[in-house]
Amino acid sequence: MMQSKTFMNMWGSLDADATFDEKTFVFPLNDINAVCFGKIVEWLEQHNGMPDPQIEEEPITGEV
């Protein structure tokens, strides 16, 4: 989860004084069903330790 910039941004906006502790952290997943959660875990396992993707801009259209 530390690799997810989206997650870390969400975590930072919850409490500016909070520090992230992997051993005691709890993240509620109230609205995620078992199939969706399984896919999330599968994706995390496949991408564990990989560097963040480099987002590039299309030189002609300027699209990301």
PDB file of N, CA and C in Angstrom:
ATOM      1  N   MET A   1       0.813  -1.187   0.000  1.00  0.00           N
ATOM      2  CA  MET A   1       0.000   0.000   0.000  1.00  0.00           C
ATOM      3  C   MET A   1       0.862   1.258   0.000  1.00  0.00           C
ATOM      4  N   MET A   2       2.086   1.130   0.456  1.00  0.00           N
ATOM      5  CA  MET A   2       2.965   2.290   0.488  1.00  0.00           C
ATOM      6  C   MET A   2       3.278   2.785  -0.922  1.00  0.00           C
ATOM      7  N   GLN A   3       3.184   1.912  -1.940  1.00  0.00           N
ATOM      8  CA  GLN A   3       3.478   2.310  -3.310  1.00  0.00           C
ATOM      9  C   GLN A   3       2.360   3.145  -3.923  1.00  0.00           C
ATOM     10  N   SER A   4       1.182   3.090  -3.352  1.00  0.00           N
ATOM     11  CA  SER A   4       0.049   3.790  -3.932  1.00  0.00           C
ATOM     12  C   SER A   4       0.048   5.256  -3.533  1.00  0.00           C
ATOM     13  N   LYS A   5       0.331   6.126  -4.490  1.00  0.00           N
ATOM     14  CA  LYS A   5       0.305   7.559  -4.208  1.00  0.00           C
ATOM     15  C   LYS A   5      -1.117   8.013  -3.867  1.00  0.00           C
ATOM     16  N   THR A   6      -2.108   7.406  -4.503  1.00  0.00           N
ATOM     17  CA  THR A   6      -3.500   7.745  -4.201  1.00  0.00           C
ATOM     18  C   THR A   6      -3.807   7.428  -2.746  1.00  0.00           C
ATOM     19  N   PHE A   7      -3.419   6.237  -2.318  1.00  0.00           N
ATOM     20  CA  PHE A   7      -3.658   5.841  -0.933  1.00  0.00           C
ATOM     21  C   PHE A   7      -2.945   6.781   0.033  1.00  0.00           C
ATOM     22  N   MET A   8      -1.677   7.055  -0.236  1.00  0.00           N
ATOM     23  CA  MET A   8      -0.921   7.903   0.673  1.00  0.00           C
ATOM     24  C   MET A   8      -1.501   9.318   0.712  1.00  0.00           C
ATOM     25  N   ASN A   9      -2.020   9.816  -0.409  1.00  0.00           N
ATOM     26  CA  ASN A   9      -2.677  11.129  -0.410  1.00  0.00           C
ATOM     27  C   ASN A   9      -3.944  11.100   0.429  1.00  0.00           C
ATOM     28  N   MET A  10      -4.730  10.005   0.308  1.00  0.00           N
ATOM     29  CA  MET A  10      -5.940   9.869   1.124  1.00  0.00           C
ATOM     30  C   MET A  10      -5.563   9.816   2.596  1.00  0.00           C
ATOM     31  N   TRP A  11      -4.546   9.032   2.920  1.00  0.00           N
ATOM     32  CA  TRP A  11      -4.107   8.887   4.307  1.00  0.00           C
ATOM     33  C   TRP A  11      -3.673  10.248   4.861  1.00  0.00           C
ATOM     34  N   GLY A  12      -2.914  10.998   4.071  1.00  0.00           N
ATOM     35  CA  GLY A  12      -2.449  12.306   4.505  1.00  0.00           C
ATOM     36  C   GLY A  12      -3.565  13.290   4.741  1.00  0.00           C
ATOM     37  N   SER A  13      -4.650  13.186   3.961  1.00  0.00           N
ATOM     38  CA  SER A  13      -5.754  14.129   4.126  1.00  0.00           C
ATOM     39  C   SER A  13      -6.636  13.781   5.322  1.00  0.00           C
ATOM     40  N   LEU A  14      -6.531  12.568   5.852  1.00  0.00           N
ATOM     41  CA  LEU A  14      -7.348  12.184   6.998  1.00  0.00           C
ATOM     42  C   LEU A  14      -6.888  12.882   8.271  1.00  0.00           C
ATOM     43  N   ASP A  15      -5.581  12.918   8.489  1.00  0.00           N
ATOM     44  CA  ASP A  15      -5.061  13.497   9.714  1.00  0.00           C
ATOM     45  C   ASP A  15      -3.629  13.947   9.462  1.00  0.00           C
ATOM     46  N   ALA A  16      -3.421  15.237   9.408  1.00  0.00           N
ATOM     47  CA  ALA A  16      -2.101  15.778   9.068  1.00  0.00           C
ATOM     48  C   ALA A  16      -1.046  15.380  10.094  1.00  0.00           C
ATOM     49  N   ASP A  17      -1.441  15.094  11.327  1.00  0.00           N
ATOM     50  CA  ASP A  17      -0.479  14.734  12.367  1.00  0.00           C
ATOM     51  C   ASP A  17      -0.230  13.235  12.453  1.00  0.00           C
ATOM     52  N   ALA A  18      -0.978  12.453  11.700  1.00  0.00           N
ATOM     53  CA  ALA A  18      -0.865  10.989  11.796  1.00  0.00           C
ATOM     54  C   ALA A  18       0.413  10.504  11.121  1.00  0.00           C
ATOM     55  N   THR A  19       0.978   9.469  11.689  1.00  0.00           N
ATOM     56  CA  THR A  19       2.119   8.803  11.062  1.00  0.00           C
ATOM     57  C   THR A  19       1.668   7.415  10.653  1.00  0.00           C
ATOM     58  N   PHE A  20       2.221   6.938   9.574  1.00  0.00           N
ATOM     59  CA  PHE A  20       1.810   5.636   9.040  1.00  0.00           C
ATOM     60  C   PHE A  20       2.616   4.534   9.700  1.00  0.00           C
ATOM     61  N   ASP A  21       1.944   3.600  10.341  1.00  0.00           N
ATOM     62  CA  ASP A  21       2.584   2.440  10.962  1.00  0.00           C
ATOM     63  C   ASP A  21       1.979   1.190  10.344  1.00  0.00           C
ATOM     64  N   GLU A  22       2.752   0.487   9.530  1.00  0.00           N
ATOM     65  CA  GLU A  22       2.251  -0.686   8.811  1.00  0.00           C
ATOM     66  C   GLU A  22       1.740  -1.777   9.744  1.00  0.00           C
ATOM     67  N   LYS A  23       2.272  -1.878  10.934  1.00  0.00           N
ATOM     68  CA  LYS A  23       1.908  -2.963  11.840  1.00  0.00           C
ATOM     69  C   LYS A  23       0.575  -2.742  12.548  1.00  0.00           C
ATOM     70  N   THR A  24       0.170  -1.487  12.739  1.00  0.00           N
ATOM     71  CA  THR A  24      -1.061  -1.213  13.474  1.00  0.00           C
ATOM     72  C   THR A  24      -2.145  -0.563  12.622  1.00  0.00           C
ATOM     73  N   PHE A  25      -1.847  -0.279  11.357  1.00  0.00           N
ATOM     74  CA  PHE A  25      -2.782   0.430  10.496  1.00  0.00           C
ATOM     75  C   PHE A  25      -4.001  -0.420  10.150  1.00  0.00           C
ATOM     76  N   VAL A  26      -5.183   0.184  10.200  1.00  0.00           N
ATOM     77  CA  VAL A  26      -6.433  -0.458   9.802  1.00  0.00           C
ATOM     78  C   VAL A  26      -7.096   0.432   8.762  1.00  0.00           C
ATOM     79  N   PHE A  27      -7.454  -0.147   7.620  1.00  0.00           N
ATOM     80  CA  PHE A  27      -8.110   0.599   6.549  1.00  0.00           C
ATOM     81  C   PHE A  27      -9.452  -0.065   6.288  1.00  0.00           C
ATOM     82  N   PRO A  28     -10.583   0.574   6.618  1.00  0.00           N
ATOM     83  CA  PRO A  28     -11.891  -0.060   6.454  1.00  0.00           C
ATOM     84  C   PRO A  28     -12.266  -0.253   4.982  1.00  0.00           C
ATOM     85  N   LEU A  29     -12.770  -1.420   4.675  1.00  0.00           N
ATOM     86  CA  LEU A  29     -13.196  -1.753   3.315  1.00  0.00           C
ATOM     87  C   LEU A  29     -14.656  -2.184   3.339  1.00  0.00           C
ATOM     88  N   ASN A  30     -15.511  -1.317   3.840  1.00  0.00           N
ATOM     89  CA  ASN A  30     -16.913  -1.651   4.069  1.00  0.00           C
ATOM     90  C   ASN A  30     -17.697  -2.005   2.812  1.00  0.00           C
ATOM     91  N   ASP A  31     -17.429  -1.334   1.700  1.00  0.00           N
ATOM     92  CA  ASP A  31     -18.258  -1.511   0.515  1.00  0.00           C
ATOM     93  C   ASP A  31     -17.598  -2.363  -0.569  1.00  0.00           C
ATOM     94  N   ILE A  32     -16.639  -3.191  -0.212  1.00  0.00           N
ATOM     95  CA  ILE A  32     -15.956  -4.024  -1.199  1.00  0.00           C
ATOM     96  C   ILE A  32     -16.341  -5.479  -0.959  1.00  0.00           C
ATOM     97  N   ASN A  33     -16.857  -6.128  -2.023  1.00  0.00           N
ATOM     98  CA  ASN A  33     -17.258  -7.520  -1.878  1.00  0.00           C
ATOM     99  C   ASN A  33     -16.040  -8.441  -2.030  1.00  0.00           C
ATOM    100  N   ALA A  34     -16.229  -9.728  -1.768  1.00  0.00           N
ATOM    101  CA  ALA A  34     -15.128 -10.693  -1.768  1.00  0.00           C
ATOM    102  C   ALA A  34     -14.459 -10.818  -3.132  1.00  0.00           C
ATOM    103  N   VAL A  35     -15.226 -10.779  -4.213  1.00  0.00           N
ATOM    104  CA  VAL A  35     -14.648 -10.913  -5.555  1.00  0.00           C
ATOM    105  C   VAL A  35     -13.747  -9.720  -5.858  1.00  0.00           C
ATOM    106  N   CYS A  36     -14.231  -8.525  -5.578  1.00  0.00           N
ATOM    107  CA  CYS A  36     -13.451  -7.317  -5.813  1.00  0.00           C
ATOM    108  C   CYS A  36     -12.195  -7.312  -4.943  1.00  0.00           C
ATOM    109  N   PHE A  37     -12.331  -7.676  -3.690  1.00  0.00           N
ATOM    110  CA  PHE A  37     -11.178  -7.704  -2.791  1.00  0.00           C
ATOM    111  C   PHE A  37     -10.146  -8.717  -3.270  1.00  0.00           C
ATOM    112  N   GLY A  38     -10.602  -9.858  -3.769  1.00  0.00           N
ATOM    113  CA  GLY A  38      -9.686 -10.858  -4.314  1.00  0.00           C
ATOM    114  C   GLY A  38      -8.874 -10.303  -5.476  1.00  0.00           C
ATOM    115  N   LYS A  39      -9.528  -9.530  -6.344  1.00  0.00           N
ATOM    116  CA  LYS A  39      -8.831  -8.907  -7.477  1.00  0.00           C
ATOM    117  C   LYS A  39      -7.799  -7.880  -6.997  1.00  0.00           C
ATOM    118  N   ILE A  40      -8.152  -7.137  -5.959  1.00  0.00           N
ATOM    119  CA  ILE A  40      -7.222  -6.157  -5.401  1.00  0.00           C
ATOM    120  C   ILE A  40      -5.980  -6.865  -4.862  1.00  0.00           C
ATOM    121  N   VAL A  41      -6.183  -7.925  -4.095  1.00  0.00           N
ATOM    122  CA  VAL A  41      -5.062  -8.679  -3.540  1.00  0.00           C
ATOM    123  C   VAL A  41      -4.210  -9.276  -4.656  1.00  0.00           C
ATOM    124  N   GLU A  42      -4.849  -9.820  -5.678  1.00  0.00           N
ATOM    125  CA  GLU A  42      -4.124 -10.383  -6.823  1.00  0.00           C
ATOM    126  C   GLU A  42      -3.246  -9.325  -7.488  1.00  0.00           C
ATOM    127  N   TRP A  43      -3.810  -8.143  -7.714  1.00  0.00           N
ATOM    128  CA  TRP A  43      -3.055  -7.060  -8.345  1.00  0.00           C
ATOM    129  C   TRP A  43      -1.881  -6.640  -7.466  1.00  0.00           C
ATOM    130  N   LEU A  44      -2.128  -6.504  -6.153  1.00  0.00           N
ATOM    131  CA  LEU A  44      -1.062  -6.109  -5.241  1.00  0.00           C
ATOM    132  C   LEU A  44       0.076  -7.123  -5.233  1.00  0.00           C
ATOM    133  N   GLU A  45      -0.258  -8.407  -5.240  1.00  0.00           N
ATOM    134  CA  GLU A  45       0.771  -9.455  -5.259  1.00  0.00           C
ATOM    135  C   GLU A  45       1.601  -9.391  -6.541  1.00  0.00           C
ATOM    136  N   GLN A  46       0.954  -9.149  -7.661  1.00  0.00           N
ATOM    137  CA  GLN A  46       1.657  -9.089  -8.946  1.00  0.00           C
ATOM    138  C   GLN A  46       2.551  -7.857  -9.047  1.00  0.00           C
ATOM    139  N   HIS A  47       2.213  -6.781  -8.358  1.00  0.00           N
ATOM    140  CA  HIS A  47       2.950  -5.531  -8.483  1.00  0.00           C
ATOM    141  C   HIS A  47       3.801  -5.200  -7.257  1.00  0.00           C
ATOM    142  N   ASN A  48       3.931  -6.142  -6.345  1.00  0.00           N
ATOM    143  CA  ASN A  48       4.704  -5.930  -5.127  1.00  0.00           C
ATOM    144  C   ASN A  48       6.163  -5.609  -5.458  1.00  0.00           C
ATOM    145  N   GLY A  49       6.650  -4.505  -4.951  1.00  0.00           N
ATOM    146  CA  GLY A  49       8.034  -4.127  -5.139  1.00  0.00           C
ATOM    147  C   GLY A  49       8.358  -3.476  -6.475  1.00  0.00           C
ATOM    148  N   MET A  50       7.382  -3.348  -7.344  1.00  0.00           N
ATOM    149  CA  MET A  50       7.630  -2.724  -8.641  1.00  0.00           C
ATOM    150  C   MET A  50       7.679  -1.209  -8.484  1.00  0.00           C
ATOM    151  N   PRO A  51       8.490  -0.541  -9.313  1.00  0.00           N
ATOM    152  CA  PRO A  51       8.532   0.927  -9.234  1.00  0.00           C
ATOM    153  C   PRO A  51       7.228   1.537  -9.739  1.00  0.00           C
ATOM    154  N   ASP A  52       6.972   2.761  -9.324  1.00  0.00           N
ATOM    155  CA  ASP A  52       5.788   3.468  -9.798  1.00  0.00           C
ATOM    156  C   ASP A  52       5.864   3.622 -11.313  1.00  0.00           C
ATOM    157  N   PRO A  53       4.735   3.478 -12.017  1.00  0.00           N
ATOM    158  CA  PRO A  53       4.756   3.660 -13.464  1.00  0.00           C
ATOM    159  C   PRO A  53       5.071   5.109 -13.813  1.00  0.00           C
ATOM    160  N   GLN A  54       5.760   5.290 -14.914  1.00  0.00           N
ATOM    161  CA  GLN A  54       6.086   6.632 -15.380  1.00  0.00           C
ATOM    162  C   GLN A  54       4.957   7.107 -16.300  1.00  0.00           C
ATOM    163  N   ILE A  55       4.313   8.181 -15.927  1.00  0.00           N
ATOM    164  CA  ILE A  55       3.221   8.727 -16.722  1.00  0.00           C
ATOM    165  C   ILE A  55       3.820   9.692 -17.729  1.00  0.00           C
ATOM    166  N   GLU A  56       3.546   9.432 -18.984  1.00  0.00           N
ATOM    167  CA  GLU A  56       4.110  10.256 -20.037  1.00  0.00           C
ATOM    168  C   GLU A  56       3.005  11.012 -20.778  1.00  0.00           C
ATOM    169  N   GLU A  57       3.362  12.151 -21.289  1.00  0.00           N
ATOM    170  CA  GLU A  57       2.430  12.960 -22.054  1.00  0.00           C
ATOM    171  C   GLU A  57       2.652  12.725 -23.543  1.00  0.00           C
ATOM    172  N   GLU A  58       1.539  12.528 -24.269  1.00  0.00           N
ATOM    173  CA  GLU A  58       1.586  12.368 -25.732  1.00  0.00           C
ATOM    174  C   GLU A  58       2.037  13.703 -26.318  1.00  0.00           C
ATOM    175  N   PRO A  59       3.172  13.717 -27.052  1.00  0.00           N
ATOM    176  CA  PRO A  59       3.701  14.998 -27.524  1.00  0.00           C
ATOM    177  C   PRO A  59       2.778  15.750 -28.491  1.00  0.00           C
ATOM    178  N   ILE A  60       2.001  15.051 -29.303  1.00  0.00           N
ATOM    179  CA  ILE A  60       1.158  15.720 -30.290  1.00  0.00           C
ATOM    180  C   ILE A  60      -0.144  16.223 -29.665  1.00  0.00           C
ATOM    181  N   THR A  61      -0.825  15.356 -28.909  1.00  0.00           N
ATOM    182  CA  THR A  61      -2.131  15.737 -28.359  1.00  0.00           C
ATOM    183  C   THR A  61      -2.044  16.334 -26.958  1.00  0.00           C
ATOM    184  N   GLY A  62      -0.952  16.071 -26.252  1.00  0.00           N
ATOM    185  CA  GLY A  62      -0.825  16.553 -24.891  1.00  0.00           C
ATOM    186  C   GLY A  62      -1.583  15.716 -23.883  1.00  0.00           C
ATOM    187  N   GLU A  63      -2.156  14.586 -24.322  1.00  0.00           N
ATOM    188  CA  GLU A  63      -2.884  13.712 -23.411  1.00  0.00           C
ATOM    189  C   GLU A  63      -1.908  12.923 -22.545  1.00  0.00           C
ATOM    190  N   VAL A  64      -2.342  12.621 -21.342  1.00  0.00           N
ATOM    191  CA  VAL A  64      -1.526  11.842 -20.413  1.00  0.00           C
ATOM    192  C   VAL A  64      -1.875  10.388 -20.566  1.00  0.00           C
TER     193      VAL A  64
END
